[in-house]
Amino acid sequence: MSNFEIIPSIWLIDGKCVRLKRGDFSTEEVISNNPLGIAQSFESVGIGRIHLVDLDGARRGEPKNYHILEAIAGYTDLKIDFTGGVNTDGDVIKSFENGAATVTISSAAANHPERFAQFILSYGREKIILAADTDPVDYKIKIRGWLKKTKIDLFDHIEFFYERGLKYVKVSDISRDGVMEGPNLGLYKEVLDKFPTISLRASGGIRGIDDFKKLRDMGVQSVLFGRAFFEGKISLDEIEKFKSSN
């Protein structure tokens, strides 16, 4: 698939770029006070899209880092996928006004499925992405920055919106997030088998460029990565080479 896309994740707390393990806020580590600089370095090697995660927003239920979104939108040509506390129509509109190209939504889809289905209709299926984050122990959906567990089954959840026009879904295996144990290929294969026309965005566990290749070859459309880059397992040079050979 020549349109396979690798998408860096930039996680924000208090306007700073941080990293966590398995979504646990007590493992927070500040990587940089300059998220814009990080975004620009990705852009410089041919990355076209980033995933910007407002962790304050995810915890509080409404976005708090619009100013970072606005700065990156203003000083790069990156397409920004914004996520974290986007719950209402007003949040969606404000995200787009501040420069988001797309929004990824988790809690609102779990808590207010009809509202999320309406977002797909109102803003279009190219702009609204479902975040379906789960622990394979039980395949139940986790929301609010993974702080809250629901009783919703992962596959039922995707199917509900798939039948209502959903095109893009981000699936995270949260047990692998930020711990670089390799992506959960079995989980992604199951999603692709059940929903053959969905555009799947894989998240969690990336160790290096080889994991990109495995995901691409099995039909995943895009992949999110973060810690592997920030720990030096993937370099800007390697990203550039992968982009040009892909």
C-alpha atoms as a PDB file:
ATOM      1  CA  MET A   1       0.000   0.000   0.000  1.00  0.00           C
ATOM      2  CA  SER A   2       1.793   3.068  -1.227  1.00  0.00           C
ATOM      3  CA  ASN A   3      -0.354   5.399   0.866  1.00  0.00           C
ATOM      4  CA  PHE A   4       0.787   3.851   4.161  1.00  0.00           C
ATOM      5  CA  GLU A   5       1.407   6.661   6.607  1.00  0.00           C
ATOM      6  CA  ILE A   6       3.631   6.901   9.691  1.00  0.00           C
ATOM      7  CA  ILE A   7       2.307   9.474  12.155  1.00  0.00           C
ATOM      8  CA  PRO A   8       4.306  10.759  15.137  1.00  0.00           C
ATOM      9  CA  SER A   9       2.402  11.284  18.394  1.00  0.00           C
ATOM     10  CA  ILE A  10       3.123  14.367  20.471  1.00  0.00           C
ATOM     11  CA  TRP A  11       1.618  14.136  23.969  1.00  0.00           C
ATOM     12  CA  LEU A  12       0.962  17.361  25.850  1.00  0.00           C
ATOM     13  CA  ILE A  13       0.654  18.185  29.538  1.00  0.00           C
ATOM     14  CA  ASP A  14       0.704  21.893  30.511  1.00  0.00           C
ATOM     15  CA  GLY A  15       1.907  22.827  27.030  1.00  0.00           C
ATOM     16  CA  LYS A  16       4.985  20.580  27.342  1.00  0.00           C
ATOM     17  CA  CYS A  17       5.768  17.439  25.354  1.00  0.00           C
ATOM     18  CA  VAL A  18       5.719  14.379  27.652  1.00  0.00           C
ATOM     19  CA  ARG A  19       5.800  10.618  27.524  1.00  0.00           C
ATOM     20  CA  LEU A  20       3.947   8.050  29.631  1.00  0.00           C
ATOM     21  CA  LYS A  21       3.993   4.278  29.987  1.00  0.00           C
ATOM     22  CA  ARG A  22       0.714   2.439  29.373  1.00  0.00           C
ATOM     23  CA  GLY A  23      -1.121   5.737  29.753  1.00  0.00           C
ATOM     24  CA  ASP A  24      -0.173   5.964  33.460  1.00  0.00           C
ATOM     25  CA  PHE A  25       0.072   9.639  34.461  1.00  0.00           C
ATOM     26  CA  SER A  26       2.390   8.804  37.370  1.00  0.00           C
ATOM     27  CA  THR A  27       5.069   7.811  34.809  1.00  0.00           C
ATOM     28  CA  GLU A  28       4.990  11.284  33.222  1.00  0.00           C
ATOM     29  CA  GLU A  29       8.347  12.475  31.923  1.00  0.00           C
ATOM     30  CA  VAL A  30       8.853  15.840  30.205  1.00  0.00           C
ATOM     31  CA  ILE A  31      10.712  15.400  26.896  1.00  0.00           C
ATOM     32  CA  SER A  32      10.621  18.973  25.667  1.00  0.00           C
ATOM     33  CA  ASN A  33       9.254  22.421  26.461  1.00  0.00           C
ATOM     34  CA  ASN A  34       9.001  23.055  22.726  1.00  0.00           C
ATOM     35  CA  PRO A  35       6.361  20.879  21.028  1.00  0.00           C
ATOM     36  CA  LEU A  36       6.469  23.184  17.989  1.00  0.00           C
ATOM     37  CA  GLY A  37      10.194  22.470  17.523  1.00  0.00           C
ATOM     38  CA  ILE A  38       9.527  18.725  17.661  1.00  0.00           C
ATOM     39  CA  ALA A  39       6.730  19.058  15.111  1.00  0.00           C
ATOM     40  CA  GLN A  40       9.026  21.075  12.819  1.00  0.00           C
ATOM     41  CA  SER A  41      11.761  18.428  13.041  1.00  0.00           C
ATOM     42  CA  PHE A  42       9.282  15.765  11.872  1.00  0.00           C
ATOM     43  CA  GLU A  43       8.119  18.015   9.041  1.00  0.00           C
ATOM     44  CA  SER A  44      11.745  18.518   7.952  1.00  0.00           C
ATOM     45  CA  VAL A  45      12.081  14.799   7.066  1.00  0.00           C
ATOM     46  CA  GLY A  46       8.877  14.578   5.049  1.00  0.00           C
ATOM     47  CA  ILE A  47       6.280  13.696   7.687  1.00  0.00           C
ATOM     48  CA  GLY A  48       2.936  15.155   6.602  1.00  0.00           C
ATOM     49  CA  ARG A  49       0.734  14.454   9.614  1.00  0.00           C
ATOM     50  CA  ILE A  50       1.054  14.384  13.402  1.00  0.00           C
ATOM     51  CA  HIS A  51      -1.199  13.136  16.180  1.00  0.00           C
ATOM     52  CA  LEU A  52      -1.417  15.804  18.904  1.00  0.00           C
ATOM     53  CA  VAL A  53      -2.673  14.458  22.230  1.00  0.00           C
ATOM     54  CA  ASP A  54      -4.001  16.909  24.812  1.00  0.00           C
ATOM     55  CA  LEU A  55      -3.617  14.831  27.993  1.00  0.00           C
ATOM     56  CA  ASP A  56      -4.933  17.662  30.188  1.00  0.00           C
ATOM     57  CA  GLY A  57      -8.012  17.679  27.973  1.00  0.00           C
ATOM     58  CA  ALA A  58      -8.413  13.897  28.171  1.00  0.00           C
ATOM     59  CA  ARG A  59      -8.362  14.034  31.964  1.00  0.00           C
ATOM     60  CA  ARG A  60     -10.625  17.062  32.295  1.00  0.00           C
ATOM     61  CA  GLY A  61     -13.112  16.297  29.559  1.00  0.00           C
ATOM     62  CA  GLU A  62     -12.415  19.395  27.445  1.00  0.00           C
ATOM     63  CA  PRO A  63      -9.333  20.467  25.476  1.00  0.00           C
ATOM     64  CA  LYS A  64      -6.796  22.644  27.330  1.00  0.00           C
ATOM     65  CA  ASN A  65      -3.913  22.944  24.849  1.00  0.00           C
ATOM     66  CA  TYR A  66      -5.532  24.746  21.903  1.00  0.00           C
ATOM     67  CA  HIS A  67      -2.644  27.255  21.961  1.00  0.00           C
ATOM     68  CA  ILE A  68      -0.149  24.493  21.048  1.00  0.00           C
ATOM     69  CA  LEU A  69      -2.456  23.240  18.280  1.00  0.00           C
ATOM     70  CA  GLU A  70      -2.711  26.794  16.955  1.00  0.00           C
ATOM     71  CA  ALA A  71       1.075  27.337  17.072  1.00  0.00           C
ATOM     72  CA  ILE A  72       1.876  24.102  15.207  1.00  0.00           C
ATOM     73  CA  ALA A  73      -0.844  24.819  12.638  1.00  0.00           C
ATOM     74  CA  GLY A  74       0.484  28.354  12.210  1.00  0.00           C
ATOM     75  CA  TYR A  75       4.173  27.537  11.860  1.00  0.00           C
ATOM     76  CA  THR A  76       4.106  24.236   9.921  1.00  0.00           C
ATOM     77  CA  ASP A  77       2.187  22.766   6.983  1.00  0.00           C
ATOM     78  CA  LEU A  78       1.515  19.572   8.936  1.00  0.00           C
ATOM     79  CA  LYS A  79      -1.953  18.086   8.970  1.00  0.00           C
ATOM     80  CA  ILE A  80      -2.767  17.842  12.668  1.00  0.00           C
ATOM     81  CA  ASP A  81      -4.955  15.142  14.122  1.00  0.00           C
ATOM     82  CA  PHE A  82      -6.061  16.577  17.469  1.00  0.00           C
ATOM     83  CA  THR A  83      -7.354  14.500  20.374  1.00  0.00           C
ATOM     84  CA  GLY A  84      -7.978  14.759  24.116  1.00  0.00           C
ATOM     85  CA  GLY A  85     -11.252  15.900  25.649  1.00  0.00           C
ATOM     86  CA  VAL A  86     -13.048  16.637  22.368  1.00  0.00           C
ATOM     87  CA  ASN A  87     -16.603  15.908  23.505  1.00  0.00           C
ATOM     88  CA  THR A  88     -19.087  18.458  22.194  1.00  0.00           C
ATOM     89  CA  ASP A  89     -19.929  20.155  18.907  1.00  0.00           C
ATOM     90  CA  GLY A  90     -18.278  23.261  20.334  1.00  0.00           C
ATOM     91  CA  ASP A  91     -15.041  21.336  21.031  1.00  0.00           C
ATOM     92  CA  VAL A  92     -15.001  19.967  17.479  1.00  0.00           C
ATOM     93  CA  ILE A  93     -15.594  23.412  15.946  1.00  0.00           C
ATOM     94  CA  LYS A  94     -12.940  25.016  18.151  1.00  0.00           C
ATOM     95  CA  SER A  95     -10.422  22.295  17.248  1.00  0.00           C
ATOM     96  CA  PHE A  96     -10.926  22.990  13.551  1.00  0.00           C
ATOM     97  CA  GLU A  97     -10.818  26.764  14.121  1.00  0.00           C
ATOM     98  CA  ASN A  98      -7.446  26.357  15.862  1.00  0.00           C
ATOM     99  CA  GLY A  99      -6.016  24.445  12.922  1.00  0.00           C
ATOM    100  CA  ALA A 100      -6.825  20.750  13.348  1.00  0.00           C
ATOM    101  CA  ALA A 101      -7.273  18.841  10.082  1.00  0.00           C
ATOM    102  CA  THR A 102      -9.019  15.964  11.867  1.00  0.00           C
ATOM    103  CA  VAL A 103     -10.153  15.128  15.392  1.00  0.00           C
ATOM    104  CA  THR A 104      -9.896  11.760  17.098  1.00  0.00           C
ATOM    105  CA  ILE A 105     -12.603  11.093  19.675  1.00  0.00           C
ATOM    106  CA  SER A 106     -12.843   8.419  22.347  1.00  0.00           C
ATOM    107  CA  SER A 107     -14.994   9.321  25.370  1.00  0.00           C
ATOM    108  CA  ALA A 108     -17.853  11.035  23.494  1.00  0.00           C
ATOM    109  CA  ALA A 109     -18.172   8.011  21.191  1.00  0.00           C
ATOM    110  CA  ALA A 110     -18.470   5.676  24.187  1.00  0.00           C
ATOM    111  CA  ASN A 111     -20.713   7.906  26.309  1.00  0.00           C
ATOM    112  CA  HIS A 112     -22.847   9.463  23.550  1.00  0.00           C
ATOM    113  CA  PRO A 113     -22.773   7.162  20.503  1.00  0.00           C
ATOM    114  CA  GLU A 114     -25.589   8.993  18.685  1.00  0.00           C
ATOM    115  CA  ARG A 115     -23.742  12.289  19.099  1.00  0.00           C
ATOM    116  CA  PHE A 116     -20.551  10.820  17.662  1.00  0.00           C
ATOM    117  CA  ALA A 117     -22.491   9.297  14.740  1.00  0.00           C
ATOM    118  CA  GLN A 118     -23.879  12.793  14.127  1.00  0.00           C
ATOM    119  CA  PHE A 119     -20.320  14.239  14.085  1.00  0.00           C
ATOM    120  CA  ILE A 120     -19.493  11.832  11.212  1.00  0.00           C
ATOM    121  CA  LEU A 121     -22.508  13.161   9.300  1.00  0.00           C
ATOM    122  CA  SER A 122     -22.008  16.835  10.192  1.00  0.00           C
ATOM    123  CA  TYR A 123     -18.261  17.168   9.587  1.00  0.00           C
ATOM    124  CA  GLY A 124     -17.680  14.305   7.150  1.00  0.00           C
ATOM    125  CA  ARG A 125     -16.011  10.924   7.490  1.00  0.00           C
ATOM    126  CA  GLU A 126     -12.620  12.309   6.419  1.00  0.00           C
ATOM    127  CA  LYS A 127     -12.486  14.579   9.496  1.00  0.00           C
ATOM    128  CA  ILE A 128     -13.779  12.467  12.385  1.00  0.00           C
ATOM    129  CA  ILE A 129     -11.736   9.526  13.668  1.00  0.00           C
ATOM    130  CA  LEU A 130     -12.896   7.001  16.262  1.00  0.00           C
ATOM    131  CA  ALA A 131     -10.413   6.087  18.999  1.00  0.00           C
ATOM    132  CA  ALA A 132     -11.115   2.531  20.123  1.00  0.00           C
ATOM    133  CA  ASP A 133      -8.587   1.845  22.876  1.00  0.00           C
ATOM    134  CA  THR A 134      -8.614  -1.489  24.631  1.00  0.00           C
ATOM    135  CA  ASP A 135      -6.772  -4.010  26.770  1.00  0.00           C
ATOM    136  CA  PRO A 136      -6.765  -7.444  25.073  1.00  0.00           C
ATOM    137  CA  VAL A 137      -7.395  -9.075  28.469  1.00  0.00           C
ATOM    138  CA  ASP A 138     -11.095  -8.329  27.944  1.00  0.00           C
ATOM    139  CA  TYR A 139     -11.423  -6.267  24.724  1.00  0.00           C
ATOM    140  CA  LYS A 140     -13.411  -3.623  26.586  1.00  0.00           C
ATOM    141  CA  ILE A 141     -13.144   0.051  25.577  1.00  0.00           C
ATOM    142  CA  LYS A 142     -11.138   2.414  27.820  1.00  0.00           C
ATOM    143  CA  ILE A 143     -11.764   6.198  27.838  1.00  0.00           C
ATOM    144  CA  ARG A 144     -10.736   9.470  29.553  1.00  0.00           C
ATOM    145  CA  GLY A 145      -7.026   9.053  28.818  1.00  0.00           C
ATOM    146  CA  TRP A 146      -7.579   5.344  29.638  1.00  0.00           C
ATOM    147  CA  LEU A 147      -8.437   6.237  33.234  1.00  0.00           C
ATOM    148  CA  LYS A 148     -11.943   4.846  32.874  1.00  0.00           C
ATOM    149  CA  LYS A 149     -13.034   1.384  31.813  1.00  0.00           C
ATOM    150  CA  THR A 150     -16.373   0.769  30.079  1.00  0.00           C
ATOM    151  CA  LYS A 151     -18.427  -2.375  29.484  1.00  0.00           C
ATOM    152  CA  ILE A 152     -18.408  -1.788  25.720  1.00  0.00           C
ATOM    153  CA  ASP A 153     -16.919  -4.520  23.533  1.00  0.00           C
ATOM    154  CA  LEU A 154     -14.283  -3.278  21.078  1.00  0.00           C
ATOM    155  CA  PHE A 155     -15.763  -4.980  18.012  1.00  0.00           C
ATOM    156  CA  ASP A 156     -19.376  -4.006  18.814  1.00  0.00           C
ATOM    157  CA  HIS A 157     -18.179  -0.433  19.269  1.00  0.00           C
ATOM    158  CA  ILE A 158     -16.436  -0.231  15.908  1.00  0.00           C
ATOM    159  CA  GLU A 159     -19.348  -1.975  14.163  1.00  0.00           C
ATOM    160  CA  PHE A 160     -21.928   0.499  15.470  1.00  0.00           C
ATOM    161  CA  PHE A 161     -20.110   3.414  13.783  1.00  0.00           C
ATOM    162  CA  TYR A 162     -18.922   1.383  10.773  1.00  0.00           C
ATOM    163  CA  GLU A 163     -22.587   0.890   9.919  1.00  0.00           C
ATOM    164  CA  ARG A 164     -23.045   4.684  10.201  1.00  0.00           C
ATOM    165  CA  GLY A 165     -20.315   5.680   7.784  1.00  0.00           C
ATOM    166  CA  LEU A 166     -17.136   5.551   9.884  1.00  0.00           C
ATOM    167  CA  LYS A 167     -13.994   5.457   7.718  1.00  0.00           C
ATOM    168  CA  TYR A 168     -11.082   5.885  10.176  1.00  0.00           C
ATOM    169  CA  VAL A 169     -10.479   4.064  13.428  1.00  0.00           C
ATOM    170  CA  LYS A 170      -7.449   4.257  15.705  1.00  0.00           C
ATOM    171  CA  VAL A 171      -7.029   1.086  17.748  1.00  0.00           C
ATOM    172  CA  SER A 172      -4.593   1.096  20.683  1.00  0.00           C
ATOM    173  CA  ASP A 173      -3.545  -1.917  22.670  1.00  0.00           C
ATOM    174  CA  ILE A 174      -2.988   0.054  25.853  1.00  0.00           C
ATOM    175  CA  SER A 175      -1.043  -2.777  27.512  1.00  0.00           C
ATOM    176  CA  ARG A 176       1.703  -2.098  24.947  1.00  0.00           C
ATOM    177  CA  ASP A 177       1.621   1.662  24.879  1.00  0.00           C
ATOM    178  CA  GLY A 178       4.959   3.304  25.594  1.00  0.00           C
ATOM    179  CA  VAL A 179       6.649   0.021  26.523  1.00  0.00           C
ATOM    180  CA  MET A 180       8.002  -0.937  23.075  1.00  0.00           C
ATOM    181  CA  GLU A 181       7.048  -4.637  23.162  1.00  0.00           C
ATOM    182  CA  GLY A 182       5.947  -4.701  19.541  1.00  0.00           C
ATOM    183  CA  PRO A 183       2.500  -3.990  18.062  1.00  0.00           C
ATOM    184  CA  ASN A 184      -0.383  -6.407  18.630  1.00  0.00           C
ATOM    185  CA  LEU A 185      -0.557  -7.807  15.090  1.00  0.00           C
ATOM    186  CA  GLY A 186      -3.264 -10.334  16.012  1.00  0.00           C
ATOM    187  CA  LEU A 187      -5.594  -7.586  17.220  1.00  0.00           C
ATOM    188  CA  TYR A 188      -5.136  -5.541  14.041  1.00  0.00           C
ATOM    189  CA  LYS A 189      -5.666  -8.575  11.816  1.00  0.00           C
ATOM    190  CA  GLU A 190      -8.952  -9.280  13.598  1.00  0.00           C
ATOM    191  CA  VAL A 191     -10.139  -5.686  13.090  1.00  0.00           C
ATOM    192  CA  LEU A 192      -9.208  -5.779   9.376  1.00  0.00           C
ATOM    193  CA  ASP A 193     -10.888  -9.175   8.877  1.00  0.00           C
ATOM    194  CA  LYS A 194     -14.128  -7.958  10.458  1.00  0.00           C
ATOM    195  CA  PHE A 195     -14.142  -4.501   8.819  1.00  0.00           C
ATOM    196  CA  PRO A 196     -12.425  -4.892   5.446  1.00  0.00           C
ATOM    197  CA  THR A 197     -13.039  -1.350   4.154  1.00  0.00           C
ATOM    198  CA  ILE A 198     -12.026   0.497   7.333  1.00  0.00           C
ATOM    199  CA  SER A 199      -8.881   2.642   7.406  1.00  0.00           C
ATOM    200  CA  LEU A 200      -7.057   1.317  10.450  1.00  0.00           C
ATOM    201  CA  ARG A 201      -4.600   3.390  12.425  1.00  0.00           C
ATOM    202  CA  ALA A 202      -2.488   1.167  14.692  1.00  0.00           C
ATOM    203  CA  SER A 203      -1.122   2.479  17.987  1.00  0.00           C
ATOM    204  CA  GLY A 204       1.020   1.008  20.761  1.00  0.00           C
ATOM    205  CA  GLY A 205       4.221  -0.995  21.019  1.00  0.00           C
ATOM    206  CA  ILE A 206       6.280   0.262  18.055  1.00  0.00           C
ATOM    207  CA  ARG A 207       9.982  -0.661  18.490  1.00  0.00           C
ATOM    208  CA  GLY A 208      11.461   0.396  15.175  1.00  0.00           C
ATOM    209  CA  ILE A 209      11.148   0.639  11.412  1.00  0.00           C
ATOM    210  CA  ASP A 210      10.579  -3.133  11.038  1.00  0.00           C
ATOM    211  CA  ASP A 211       7.297  -2.809  12.922  1.00  0.00           C
ATOM    212  CA  PHE A 212       6.177  -0.186  10.378  1.00  0.00           C
ATOM    213  CA  LYS A 213       6.884  -2.691   7.594  1.00  0.00           C
ATOM    214  CA  LYS A 214       4.964  -5.503   9.310  1.00  0.00           C
ATOM    215  CA  LEU A 215       1.905  -3.306   9.800  1.00  0.00           C
ATOM    216  CA  ARG A 216       2.057  -1.944   6.251  1.00  0.00           C
ATOM    217  CA  ASP A 217       2.333  -5.449   4.788  1.00  0.00           C
ATOM    218  CA  MET A 218      -0.739  -6.693   6.663  1.00  0.00           C
ATOM    219  CA  GLY A 219      -2.921  -3.864   5.339  1.00  0.00           C
ATOM    220  CA  VAL A 220      -2.909  -1.367   8.208  1.00  0.00           C
ATOM    221  CA  GLN A 221      -3.302   2.093   6.695  1.00  0.00           C
ATOM    222  CA  SER A 222      -1.303   4.148   9.176  1.00  0.00           C
ATOM    223  CA  VAL A 223       0.621   3.792  12.394  1.00  0.00           C
ATOM    224  CA  LEU A 224       1.226   6.068  15.372  1.00  0.00           C
ATOM    225  CA  PHE A 225       4.589   6.096  17.115  1.00  0.00           C
ATOM    226  CA  GLY A 226       6.187   8.148  19.878  1.00  0.00           C
ATOM    227  CA  ARG A 227       8.407   6.608  22.534  1.00  0.00           C
ATOM    228  CA  ALA A 228      10.557   4.652  20.030  1.00  0.00           C
ATOM    229  CA  PHE A 229      11.540   7.976  18.470  1.00  0.00           C
ATOM    230  CA  PHE A 230      12.050   9.822  21.753  1.00  0.00           C
ATOM    231  CA  GLU A 231      14.256   6.975  23.031  1.00  0.00           C
ATOM    232  CA  GLY A 232      16.385   6.967  19.888  1.00  0.00           C
ATOM    233  CA  LYS A 233      15.174   3.598  18.512  1.00  0.00           C
ATOM    234  CA  ILE A 234      13.945   5.399  15.390  1.00  0.00           C
ATOM    235  CA  SER A 235      15.945   8.333  14.013  1.00  0.00           C
ATOM    236  CA  LEU A 236      14.899  11.212  11.763  1.00  0.00           C
ATOM    237  CA  ASP A 237      17.258   9.765   9.112  1.00  0.00           C
ATOM    238  CA  GLU A 238      15.504   6.396   9.258  1.00  0.00           C
ATOM    239  CA  ILE A 239      12.107   8.071   9.016  1.00  0.00           C
ATOM    240  CA  GLU A 240      13.273   9.977   5.944  1.00  0.00           C
ATOM    241  CA  LYS A 241      14.622   6.788   4.296  1.00  0.00           C
ATOM    242  CA  PHE A 242      11.433   4.857   5.077  1.00  0.00           C
ATOM    243  CA  LYS A 243       9.300   7.693   3.687  1.00  0.00           C
ATOM    244  CA  SER A 244      11.257   7.825   0.415  1.00  0.00           C
ATOM    245  CA  SER A 245      11.340   4.025  -0.078  1.00  0.00           C
ATOM    246  CA  ASN A 246       7.693   3.511   0.838  1.00  0.00           C
END
